[in-house]
PDB file of N, CA and C in Angstrom:
ATOM      1  N   UNK A   1       0.817  -1.190   0.000  1.00  0.00           N
ATOM      2  CA  UNK A   1       0.000   0.000   0.000  1.00  0.00           C
ATOM      3  C   UNK A   1       0.865   1.260   0.000  1.00  0.00           C
ATOM      4  N   UNK A   2       2.004   1.170   0.666  1.00  0.00           N
ATOM      5  CA  UNK A   2       2.928   2.307   0.671  1.00  0.00           C
ATOM      6  C   UNK A   2       3.433   2.566  -0.743  1.00  0.00           C
ATOM      7  N   UNK A   3       3.709   1.500  -1.481  1.00  0.00           N
ATOM      8  CA  UNK A   3       4.178   1.677  -2.866  1.00  0.00           C
ATOM      9  C   UNK A   3       3.103   2.293  -3.755  1.00  0.00           C
ATOM     10  N   UNK A   4       1.836   1.976  -3.485  1.00  0.00           N
ATOM     11  CA  UNK A   4       0.762   2.618  -4.240  1.00  0.00           C
ATOM     12  C   UNK A   4       0.763   4.123  -4.019  1.00  0.00           C
ATOM     13  N   UNK A   5       0.938   4.521  -2.761  1.00  0.00           N
ATOM     14  CA  UNK A   5       0.955   5.957  -2.469  1.00  0.00           C
ATOM     15  C   UNK A   5       2.220   6.639  -2.975  1.00  0.00           C
ATOM     16  N   UNK A   6       3.300   5.879  -3.104  1.00  0.00           N
ATOM     17  CA  UNK A   6       4.547   6.449  -3.616  1.00  0.00           C
ATOM     18  C   UNK A   6       4.637   6.386  -5.140  1.00  0.00           C
ATOM     19  N   UNK A   7       3.623   5.840  -5.792  1.00  0.00           N
ATOM     20  CA  UNK A   7       3.668   5.660  -7.247  1.00  0.00           C
ATOM     21  C   UNK A   7       3.999   6.949  -8.017  1.00  0.00           C
ATOM     22  N   UNK A   8       3.361   8.097  -7.721  1.00  0.00           N
ATOM     23  CA  UNK A   8       3.736   9.308  -8.462  1.00  0.00           C
ATOM     24  C   UNK A   8       5.193   9.714  -8.246  1.00  0.00           C
ATOM     25  N   UNK A   9       5.676   9.576  -7.016  1.00  0.00           N
ATOM     26  CA  UNK A   9       7.072   9.935  -6.731  1.00  0.00           C
ATOM     27  C   UNK A   9       8.026   8.969  -7.417  1.00  0.00           C
ATOM     28  N   UNK A  10       7.680   7.681  -7.428  1.00  0.00           N
ATOM     29  CA  UNK A  10       8.536   6.703  -8.108  1.00  0.00           C
ATOM     30  C   UNK A  10       8.528   6.923  -9.617  1.00  0.00           C
ATOM     31  N   UNK A  11       7.377   7.256 -10.159  1.00  0.00           N
ATOM     32  CA  UNK A  11       7.279   7.511 -11.599  1.00  0.00           C
ATOM     33  C   UNK A  11       8.061   8.770 -11.962  1.00  0.00           C
ATOM     34  N   UNK A  12       7.999   9.762 -11.089  1.00  0.00           N
ATOM     35  CA  UNK A  12       8.715  11.017 -11.309  1.00  0.00           C
ATOM     36  C   UNK A  12      10.220  10.852 -11.107  1.00  0.00           C
ATOM     37  N   UNK A  13      10.611   9.850 -10.304  1.00  0.00           N
ATOM     38  CA  UNK A  13      12.022   9.652 -10.000  1.00  0.00           C
ATOM     39  C   UNK A  13      12.506  10.523  -8.855  1.00  0.00           C
ATOM     40  N   UNK A  14      11.606  11.272  -8.261  1.00  0.00           N
ATOM     41  CA  UNK A  14      11.941  12.176  -7.168  1.00  0.00           C
ATOM     42  C   UNK A  14      10.658  12.461  -6.412  1.00  0.00           C
ATOM     43  N   UNK A  15      10.670  12.494  -5.081  1.00  0.00           N
ATOM     44  CA  UNK A  15       9.449  12.863  -4.359  1.00  0.00           C
ATOM     45  C   UNK A  15       8.956  14.232  -4.809  1.00  0.00           C
ATOM     46  N   UNK A  16       7.671  14.344  -4.931  1.00  0.00           N
ATOM     47  CA  UNK A  16       7.073  15.563  -5.449  1.00  0.00           C
ATOM     48  C   UNK A  16       7.309  16.724  -4.497  1.00  0.00           C
ATOM     49  N   UNK A  17       7.471  17.902  -5.051  1.00  0.00           N
ATOM     50  CA  UNK A  17       7.689  19.105  -4.260  1.00  0.00           C
ATOM     51  C   UNK A  17       6.599  20.109  -4.597  1.00  0.00           C
ATOM     52  N   UNK A  18       6.406  21.053  -3.710  1.00  0.00           N
ATOM     53  CA  UNK A  18       5.394  22.069  -3.941  1.00  0.00           C
ATOM     54  C   UNK A  18       5.904  23.106  -4.936  1.00  0.00           C
ATOM     55  N   UNK A  19       4.985  23.807  -5.616  1.00  0.00           N
ATOM     56  CA  UNK A  19       5.390  24.765  -6.647  1.00  0.00           C
ATOM     57  C   UNK A  19       6.281  25.896  -6.143  1.00  0.00           C
ATOM     58  N   UNK A  20       6.192  26.239  -4.865  1.00  0.00           N
ATOM     59  CA  UNK A  20       6.984  27.359  -4.369  1.00  0.00           C
ATOM     60  C   UNK A  20       8.410  26.972  -3.995  1.00  0.00           C
ATOM     61  N   UNK A  21       8.780  25.699  -4.087  1.00  0.00           N
ATOM     62  CA  UNK A  21      10.121  25.282  -3.705  1.00  0.00           C
ATOM     63  C   UNK A  21      11.178  25.938  -4.587  1.00  0.00           C
ATOM     64  N   UNK A  22      10.893  26.105  -5.861  1.00  0.00           N
ATOM     65  CA  UNK A  22      11.841  26.754  -6.760  1.00  0.00           C
ATOM     66  C   UNK A  22      12.173  28.168  -6.326  1.00  0.00           C
ATOM     67  N   UNK A  23      11.184  28.873  -5.790  1.00  0.00           N
ATOM     68  CA  UNK A  23      11.423  30.224  -5.287  1.00  0.00           C
ATOM     69  C   UNK A  23      12.373  30.233  -4.109  1.00  0.00           C
ATOM     70  N   UNK A  24      12.268  29.210  -3.262  1.00  0.00           N
ATOM     71  CA  UNK A  24      13.170  29.124  -2.118  1.00  0.00           C
ATOM     72  C   UNK A  24      14.582  28.747  -2.548  1.00  0.00           C
ATOM     73  N   UNK A  25      14.686  27.994  -3.640  1.00  0.00           N
ATOM     74  CA  UNK A  25      16.014  27.629  -4.136  1.00  0.00           C
ATOM     75  C   UNK A  25      16.735  28.853  -4.685  1.00  0.00           C
ATOM     76  N   UNK A  26      16.008  29.777  -5.299  1.00  0.00           N
ATOM     77  CA  UNK A  26      16.642  30.951  -5.895  1.00  0.00           C
ATOM     78  C   UNK A  26      16.914  32.070  -4.896  1.00  0.00           C
ATOM     79  N   UNK A  27      16.356  32.007  -3.696  1.00  0.00           N
ATOM     80  CA  UNK A  27      16.550  33.095  -2.722  1.00  0.00           C
ATOM     81  C   UNK A  27      18.018  33.348  -2.390  1.00  0.00           C
ATOM     82  N   UNK A  28      18.838  32.322  -2.130  1.00  0.00           N
ATOM     83  CA  UNK A  28      20.246  32.638  -1.842  1.00  0.00           C
ATOM     84  C   UNK A  28      20.952  33.282  -3.035  1.00  0.00           C
ATOM     85  N   UNK A  29      20.562  32.912  -4.234  1.00  0.00           N
ATOM     86  CA  UNK A  29      21.177  33.483  -5.432  1.00  0.00           C
ATOM     87  C   UNK A  29      20.797  34.953  -5.576  1.00  0.00           C
ATOM     88  N   UNK A  30      19.545  35.262  -5.244  1.00  0.00           N
ATOM     89  CA  UNK A  30      19.057  36.635  -5.350  1.00  0.00           C
ATOM     90  C   UNK A  30      19.408  37.476  -4.120  1.00  0.00           C
ATOM     91  N   UNK A  31      20.075  36.882  -3.130  1.00  0.00           N
ATOM     92  CA  UNK A  31      20.482  37.554  -1.888  1.00  0.00           C
ATOM     93  C   UNK A  31      19.285  38.093  -1.118  1.00  0.00           C
ATOM     94  N   UNK A  32      18.196  37.336  -1.114  1.00  0.00           N
ATOM     95  CA  UNK A  32      17.024  37.709  -0.330  1.00  0.00           C
ATOM     96  C   UNK A  32      17.092  36.984   1.003  1.00  0.00           C
ATOM     97  N   UNK A  33      16.741  37.669   2.075  1.00  0.00           N
ATOM     98  CA  UNK A  33      16.879  37.078   3.402  1.00  0.00           C
ATOM     99  C   UNK A  33      15.616  36.365   3.882  1.00  0.00           C
ATOM    100  N   UNK A  34      14.459  36.685   3.319  1.00  0.00           N
ATOM    101  CA  UNK A  34      13.238  36.044   3.796  1.00  0.00           C
ATOM    102  C   UNK A  34      13.234  34.562   3.401  1.00  0.00           C
ATOM    103  N   UNK A  35      12.902  33.736   4.343  1.00  0.00           N
ATOM    104  CA  UNK A  35      12.865  32.297   4.094  1.00  0.00           C
ATOM    105  C   UNK A  35      14.235  31.673   3.957  1.00  0.00           C
ATOM    106  N   UNK A  36      15.222  32.213   4.653  1.00  0.00           N
ATOM    107  CA  UNK A  36      16.600  31.740   4.492  1.00  0.00           C
ATOM    108  C   UNK A  36      16.762  30.287   4.926  1.00  0.00           C
ATOM    109  N   UNK A  37      16.120  29.890   6.003  1.00  0.00           N
ATOM    110  CA  UNK A  37      16.262  28.511   6.483  1.00  0.00           C
ATOM    111  C   UNK A  37      15.662  27.539   5.483  1.00  0.00           C
ATOM    112  N   UNK A  38      14.466  27.856   5.011  1.00  0.00           N
ATOM    113  CA  UNK A  38      13.851  26.978   4.018  1.00  0.00           C
ATOM    114  C   UNK A  38      14.644  26.988   2.716  1.00  0.00           C
ATOM    115  N   UNK A  39      15.227  28.104   2.380  1.00  0.00           N
ATOM    116  CA  UNK A  39      16.046  28.171   1.174  1.00  0.00           C
ATOM    117  C   UNK A  39      17.252  27.254   1.287  1.00  0.00           C
ATOM    118  N   UNK A  40      17.903  27.270   2.442  1.00  0.00           N
ATOM    119  CA  UNK A  40      19.049  26.368   2.637  1.00  0.00           C
ATOM    120  C   UNK A  40      18.615  24.913   2.560  1.00  0.00           C
ATOM    121  N   UNK A  41      17.447  24.609   3.126  1.00  0.00           N
ATOM    122  CA  UNK A  41      16.932  23.238   3.045  1.00  0.00           C
ATOM    123  C   UNK A  41      16.665  22.848   1.601  1.00  0.00           C
ATOM    124  N   UNK A  42      16.018  23.727   0.847  1.00  0.00           N
ATOM    125  CA  UNK A  42      15.688  23.422  -0.545  1.00  0.00           C
ATOM    126  C   UNK A  42      16.947  23.233  -1.384  1.00  0.00           C
ATOM    127  N   UNK A  43      17.960  24.060  -1.156  1.00  0.00           N
ATOM    128  CA  UNK A  43      19.216  23.915  -1.894  1.00  0.00           C
ATOM    129  C   UNK A  43      19.879  22.591  -1.542  1.00  0.00           C
ATOM    130  N   UNK A  44      19.865  22.219  -0.266  1.00  0.00           N
ATOM    131  CA  UNK A  44      20.480  20.945   0.118  1.00  0.00           C
ATOM    132  C   UNK A  44      19.721  19.779  -0.475  1.00  0.00           C
ATOM    133  N   UNK A  45      18.404  19.898  -0.617  1.00  0.00           N
ATOM    134  CA  UNK A  45      17.611  18.834  -1.240  1.00  0.00           C
ATOM    135  C   UNK A  45      17.963  18.707  -2.711  1.00  0.00           C
ATOM    136  N   UNK A  46      18.154  19.818  -3.378  1.00  0.00           N
ATOM    137  CA  UNK A  46      18.494  19.757  -4.799  1.00  0.00           C
ATOM    138  C   UNK A  46      19.864  19.131  -5.010  1.00  0.00           C
ATOM    139  N   UNK A  47      20.751  19.307  -4.059  1.00  0.00           N
ATOM    140  CA  UNK A  47      22.083  18.708  -4.188  1.00  0.00           C
ATOM    141  C   UNK A  47      22.092  17.242  -3.793  1.00  0.00           C
ATOM    142  N   UNK A  48      21.268  16.856  -2.808  1.00  0.00           N
ATOM    143  CA  UNK A  48      21.219  15.474  -2.319  1.00  0.00           C
ATOM    144  C   UNK A  48      19.766  15.026  -2.226  1.00  0.00           C
ATOM    145  N   UNK A  49      19.169  14.598  -3.337  1.00  0.00           N
ATOM    146  CA  UNK A  49      17.749  14.224  -3.308  1.00  0.00           C
ATOM    147  C   UNK A  49      17.445  13.000  -2.458  1.00  0.00           C
ATOM    148  N   UNK A  50      18.459  12.219  -2.094  1.00  0.00           N
ATOM    149  CA  UNK A  50      18.214  11.017  -1.302  1.00  0.00           C
ATOM    150  C   UNK A  50      17.687  11.332   0.091  1.00  0.00           C
ATOM    151  N   UNK A  51      17.884  12.548   0.583  1.00  0.00           N
ATOM    152  CA  UNK A  51      17.415  12.865   1.929  1.00  0.00           C
ATOM    153  C   UNK A  51      15.906  13.084   1.969  1.00  0.00           C
ATOM    154  N   UNK A  52      15.258  13.224   0.828  1.00  0.00           N
ATOM    155  CA  UNK A  52      13.820  13.456   0.795  1.00  0.00           C
ATOM    156  C   UNK A  52      13.043  12.136   0.804  1.00  0.00           C
ATOM    157  N   UNK A  53      13.627  11.064   0.287  1.00  0.00           N
ATOM    158  CA  UNK A  53      12.920   9.788   0.185  1.00  0.00           C
ATOM    159  C   UNK A  53      12.457   9.247   1.526  1.00  0.00           C
ATOM    160  N   UNK A  54      13.266   9.267   2.593  1.00  0.00           N
ATOM    161  CA  UNK A  54      12.748   8.751   3.872  1.00  0.00           C
ATOM    162  C   UNK A  54      11.504   9.489   4.348  1.00  0.00           C
ATOM    163  N   UNK A  55      11.455  10.792   4.139  1.00  0.00           N
ATOM    164  CA  UNK A  55      10.289  11.570   4.533  1.00  0.00           C
ATOM    165  C   UNK A  55       9.054  11.121   3.756  1.00  0.00           C
ATOM    166  N   UNK A  56       9.188  10.927   2.456  1.00  0.00           N
ATOM    167  CA  UNK A  56       8.055  10.487   1.641  1.00  0.00           C
ATOM    168  C   UNK A  56       7.592   9.086   2.049  1.00  0.00           C
ATOM    169  N   UNK A  57       8.527   8.217   2.361  1.00  0.00           N
ATOM    170  CA  UNK A  57       8.175   6.856   2.774  1.00  0.00           C
ATOM    171  C   UNK A  57       7.452   6.874   4.113  1.00  0.00           C
ATOM    172  N   UNK A  58       7.952   7.654   5.058  1.00  0.00           N
ATOM    173  CA  UNK A  58       7.305   7.739   6.375  1.00  0.00           C
ATOM    174  C   UNK A  58       5.905   8.339   6.249  1.00  0.00           C
ATOM    175  N   UNK A  59       5.749   9.382   5.453  1.00  0.00           N
ATOM    176  CA  UNK A  59       4.427   9.989   5.268  1.00  0.00           C
ATOM    177  C   UNK A  59       3.454   9.006   4.635  1.00  0.00           C
ATOM    178  N   UNK A  60       3.912   8.235   3.662  1.00  0.00           N
ATOM    179  CA  UNK A  60       3.039   7.240   3.034  1.00  0.00           C
ATOM    180  C   UNK A  60       2.682   6.131   4.014  1.00  0.00           C
ATOM    181  N   UNK A  61       3.648   5.689   4.813  1.00  0.00           N
ATOM    182  CA  UNK A  61       3.383   4.651   5.804  1.00  0.00           C
ATOM    183  C   UNK A  61       2.392   5.146   6.857  1.00  0.00           C
ATOM    184  N   UNK A  62       2.533   6.382   7.292  1.00  0.00           N
ATOM    185  CA  UNK A  62       1.586   6.937   8.261  1.00  0.00           C
ATOM    186  C   UNK A  62       0.185   7.065   7.667  1.00  0.00           C
ATOM    187  N   UNK A  63       0.097   7.396   6.393  1.00  0.00           N
ATOM    188  CA  UNK A  63      -1.201   7.478   5.727  1.00  0.00           C
ATOM    189  C   UNK A  63      -1.859   6.104   5.670  1.00  0.00           C
ATOM    190  N   UNK A  64      -1.089   5.070   5.334  1.00  0.00           N
ATOM    191  CA  UNK A  64      -1.619   3.709   5.322  1.00  0.00           C
ATOM    192  C   UNK A  64      -2.074   3.318   6.723  1.00  0.00           C
ATOM    193  N   UNK A  65      -1.286   3.661   7.724  1.00  0.00           N
ATOM    194  CA  UNK A  65      -1.644   3.351   9.102  1.00  0.00           C
ATOM    195  C   UNK A  65      -2.967   4.010   9.487  1.00  0.00           C
ATOM    196  N   UNK A  66      -3.169   5.261   9.062  1.00  0.00           N
ATOM    197  CA  UNK A  66      -4.421   5.951   9.362  1.00  0.00           C
ATOM    198  C   UNK A  66      -5.611   5.293   8.668  1.00  0.00           C
ATOM    199  N   UNK A  67      -5.420   4.835   7.441  1.00  0.00           N
ATOM    200  CA  UNK A  67      -6.503   4.143   6.736  1.00  0.00           C
ATOM    201  C   UNK A  67      -6.869   2.860   7.471  1.00  0.00           C
ATOM    202  N   UNK A  68      -5.857   2.071   7.845  1.00  0.00           N
ATOM    203  CA  UNK A  68      -6.105   0.817   8.561  1.00  0.00           C
ATOM    204  C   UNK A  68      -6.727   1.097   9.931  1.00  0.00           C
ATOM    205  N   UNK A  69      -6.261   2.112  10.626  1.00  0.00           N
ATOM    206  CA  UNK A  69      -6.809   2.474  11.927  1.00  0.00           C
ATOM    207  C   UNK A  69      -8.265   2.916  11.810  1.00  0.00           C
ATOM    208  N   UNK A  70      -8.586   3.679  10.788  1.00  0.00           N
ATOM    209  CA  UNK A  70      -9.962   4.113  10.557  1.00  0.00           C
ATOM    210  C   UNK A  70     -10.857   2.918  10.241  1.00  0.00           C
ATOM    211  N   UNK A  71     -10.347   1.991   9.436  1.00  0.00           N
ATOM    212  CA  UNK A  71     -11.117   0.783   9.135  1.00  0.00           C
ATOM    213  C   UNK A  71     -11.392  -0.008  10.413  1.00  0.00           C
ATOM    214  N   UNK A  72     -10.396  -0.147  11.258  1.00  0.00           N
ATOM    215  CA  UNK A  72     -10.559  -0.888  12.509  1.00  0.00           C
ATOM    216  C   UNK A  72     -11.561  -0.193  13.429  1.00  0.00           C
ATOM    217  N   UNK A  73     -11.534   1.138  13.462  1.00  0.00           N
ATOM    218  CA  UNK A  73     -12.464   1.886  14.311  1.00  0.00           C
ATOM    219  C   UNK A  73     -13.913   1.717  13.856  1.00  0.00           C
ATOM    220  N   UNK A  74     -14.106   1.456  12.559  1.00  0.00           N
ATOM    221  CA  UNK A  74     -15.451   1.280  12.014  1.00  0.00           C
ATOM    222  C   UNK A  74     -15.848  -0.188  11.881  1.00  0.00           C
ATOM    223  N   UNK A  75     -15.043  -1.081  12.460  1.00  0.00           N
ATOM    224  CA  UNK A  75     -15.395  -2.492  12.475  1.00  0.00           C
ATOM    225  C   UNK A  75     -14.969  -3.280  11.251  1.00  0.00           C
ATOM    226  N   UNK A  76     -14.085  -2.731  10.445  1.00  0.00           N
ATOM    227  CA  UNK A  76     -13.607  -3.432   9.258  1.00  0.00           C
ATOM    228  C   UNK A  76     -12.162  -3.899   9.405  1.00  0.00           C
ATOM    229  N   UNK A  77     -11.681  -4.017  10.639  1.00  0.00           N
ATOM    230  CA  UNK A  77     -10.313  -4.475  10.875  1.00  0.00           C
ATOM    231  C   UNK A  77     -10.163  -5.934  10.490  1.00  0.00           C
ATOM    232  N   UNK A  78      -8.960  -6.334  10.173  1.00  0.00           N
ATOM    233  CA  UNK A  78      -8.703  -7.720   9.796  1.00  0.00           C
ATOM    234  C   UNK A  78      -9.073  -8.043   8.366  1.00  0.00           C
ATOM    235  N   UNK A  79      -9.273  -7.057   7.524  1.00  0.00           N
ATOM    236  CA  UNK A  79      -9.573  -7.266   6.110  1.00  0.00           C
ATOM    237  C   UNK A  79      -8.493  -6.580   5.264  1.00  0.00           C
ATOM    238  N   UNK A  80      -7.360  -7.240   5.113  1.00  0.00           N
ATOM    239  CA  UNK A  80      -6.242  -6.576   4.417  1.00  0.00           C
ATOM    240  C   UNK A  80      -6.539  -6.272   2.951  1.00  0.00           C
ATOM    241  N   UNK A  81      -7.288  -7.122   2.280  1.00  0.00           N
ATOM    242  CA  UNK A  81      -7.566  -6.845   0.859  1.00  0.00           C
ATOM    243  C   UNK A  81      -8.507  -5.655   0.694  1.00  0.00           C
ATOM    244  N   UNK A  82      -9.390  -5.457   1.664  1.00  0.00           N
ATOM    245  CA  UNK A  82     -10.244  -4.274   1.627  1.00  0.00           C
ATOM    246  C   UNK A  82      -9.398  -3.017   1.821  1.00  0.00           C
ATOM    247  N   UNK A  83      -8.420  -3.089   2.719  1.00  0.00           N
ATOM    248  CA  UNK A  83      -7.525  -1.946   2.927  1.00  0.00           C
ATOM    249  C   UNK A  83      -6.734  -1.633   1.657  1.00  0.00           C
ATOM    250  N   UNK A  84      -6.256  -2.686   0.995  1.00  0.00           N
ATOM    251  CA  UNK A  84      -5.521  -2.473  -0.264  1.00  0.00           C
ATOM    252  C   UNK A  84      -6.440  -1.839  -1.305  1.00  0.00           C
ATOM    253  N   UNK A  85      -7.682  -2.313  -1.376  1.00  0.00           N
ATOM    254  CA  UNK A  85      -8.641  -1.738  -2.321  1.00  0.00           C
ATOM    255  C   UNK A  85      -8.951  -0.282  -2.033  1.00  0.00           C
ATOM    256  N   UNK A  86      -9.090   0.049  -0.758  1.00  0.00           N
ATOM    257  CA  UNK A  86      -9.372   1.439  -0.390  1.00  0.00           C
ATOM    258  C   UNK A  86      -8.188   2.343  -0.733  1.00  0.00           C
ATOM    259  N   UNK A  87      -6.978   1.896  -0.423  1.00  0.00           N
ATOM    260  CA  UNK A  87      -5.797   2.698  -0.758  1.00  0.00           C
ATOM    261  C   UNK A  87      -5.647   2.818  -2.273  1.00  0.00           C
ATOM    262  N   UNK A  88      -5.920   1.736  -3.008  1.00  0.00           N
ATOM    263  CA  UNK A  88      -5.850   1.799  -4.473  1.00  0.00           C
ATOM    264  C   UNK A  88      -6.877   2.783  -5.025  1.00  0.00           C
ATOM    265  N   UNK A  89      -8.083   2.768  -4.470  1.00  0.00           N
ATOM    266  CA  UNK A  89      -9.106   3.705  -4.905  1.00  0.00           C
ATOM    267  C   UNK A  89      -8.708   5.146  -4.582  1.00  0.00           C
ATOM    268  N   UNK A  90      -8.173   5.363  -3.385  1.00  0.00           N
ATOM    269  CA  UNK A  90      -7.709   6.702  -3.024  1.00  0.00           C
ATOM    270  C   UNK A  90      -6.543   7.151  -3.903  1.00  0.00           C
ATOM    271  N   UNK A  91      -5.699   6.198  -4.307  1.00  0.00           N
ATOM    272  CA  UNK A  91      -4.569   6.523  -5.174  1.00  0.00           C
ATOM    273  C   UNK A  91      -5.041   6.983  -6.540  1.00  0.00           C
ATOM    274  N   UNK A  92      -6.059   6.320  -7.072  1.00  0.00           N
ATOM    275  CA  UNK A  92      -6.531   6.629  -8.429  1.00  0.00           C
ATOM    276  C   UNK A  92      -7.488   7.814  -8.450  1.00  0.00           C
ATOM    277  N   UNK A  93      -8.335   7.933  -7.430  1.00  0.00           N
ATOM    278  CA  UNK A  93      -9.433   8.907  -7.471  1.00  0.00           C
ATOM    279  C   UNK A  93      -9.177  10.221  -6.725  1.00  0.00           C
ATOM    280  N   UNK A  94      -8.099  10.315  -5.967  1.00  0.00           N
ATOM    281  CA  UNK A  94      -7.849  11.532  -5.206  1.00  0.00           C
ATOM    282  C   UNK A  94      -6.410  12.001  -5.413  1.00  0.00           C
ATOM    283  N   UNK A  95      -6.069  13.099  -4.820  1.00  0.00           N
ATOM    284  CA  UNK A  95      -4.697  13.613  -4.895  1.00  0.00           C
ATOM    285  C   UNK A  95      -3.856  13.140  -3.717  1.00  0.00           C
ATOM    286  N   UNK A  96      -4.333  12.154  -2.965  1.00  0.00           N
ATOM    287  CA  UNK A  96      -3.630  11.669  -1.786  1.00  0.00           C
ATOM    288  C   UNK A  96      -2.196  11.221  -2.083  1.00  0.00           C
ATOM    289  N   UNK A  97      -1.916  10.482  -3.167  1.00  0.00           N
ATOM    290  CA  UNK A  97      -0.520  10.081  -3.394  1.00  0.00           C
ATOM    291  C   UNK A  97       0.398  11.260  -3.690  1.00  0.00           C
ATOM    292  N   UNK A  98      -0.123  12.318  -4.266  1.00  0.00           N
ATOM    293  CA  UNK A  98       0.712  13.499  -4.521  1.00  0.00           C
ATOM    294  C   UNK A  98       1.064  14.206  -3.224  1.00  0.00           C
ATOM    295  N   UNK A  99       0.181  14.111  -2.242  1.00  0.00           N
ATOM    296  CA  UNK A  99       0.446  14.747  -0.955  1.00  0.00           C
ATOM    297  C   UNK A  99       1.273  13.828  -0.063  1.00  0.00           C
ATOM    298  N   UNK A 100       0.929  12.544  -0.047  1.00  0.00           N
ATOM    299  CA  UNK A 100       1.656  11.591   0.809  1.00  0.00           C
ATOM    300  C   UNK A 100       3.079  11.368   0.305  1.00  0.00           C
ATOM    301  N   UNK A 101       3.288  11.429  -0.985  1.00  0.00           N
ATOM    302  CA  UNK A 101       4.608  11.226  -1.555  1.00  0.00           C
ATOM    303  C   UNK A 101       5.416  12.495  -1.667  1.00  0.00           C
ATOM    304  N   UNK A 102       5.118  13.463  -0.859  1.00  0.00           N
ATOM    305  CA  UNK A 102       5.810  14.753  -0.899  1.00  0.00           C
ATOM    306  C   UNK A 102       6.966  14.769   0.072  1.00  0.00           C
TER     307      UNK A 102
END
């Protein structure tokens, strides 16, 4: 189920980033001081993309855990194929994998 949620990031070859990340990457070049910490983080991510993958994996795993926990709270616990079906449906029909794989 984690791989289903990571599908967009795996297809992209890099965990998805928000549209404003590029602006933070250019801040040190433009000598702008606002958002300096995030700018340093974004620059370090661009140089070493491997540091972003653990975050995307943990976020996807936590999302799967929440789906399974919600199913258990509603009396559908112990049905792993139903959980896989729900995550697959959420992967195809919503923007959840784009957010979880960020």
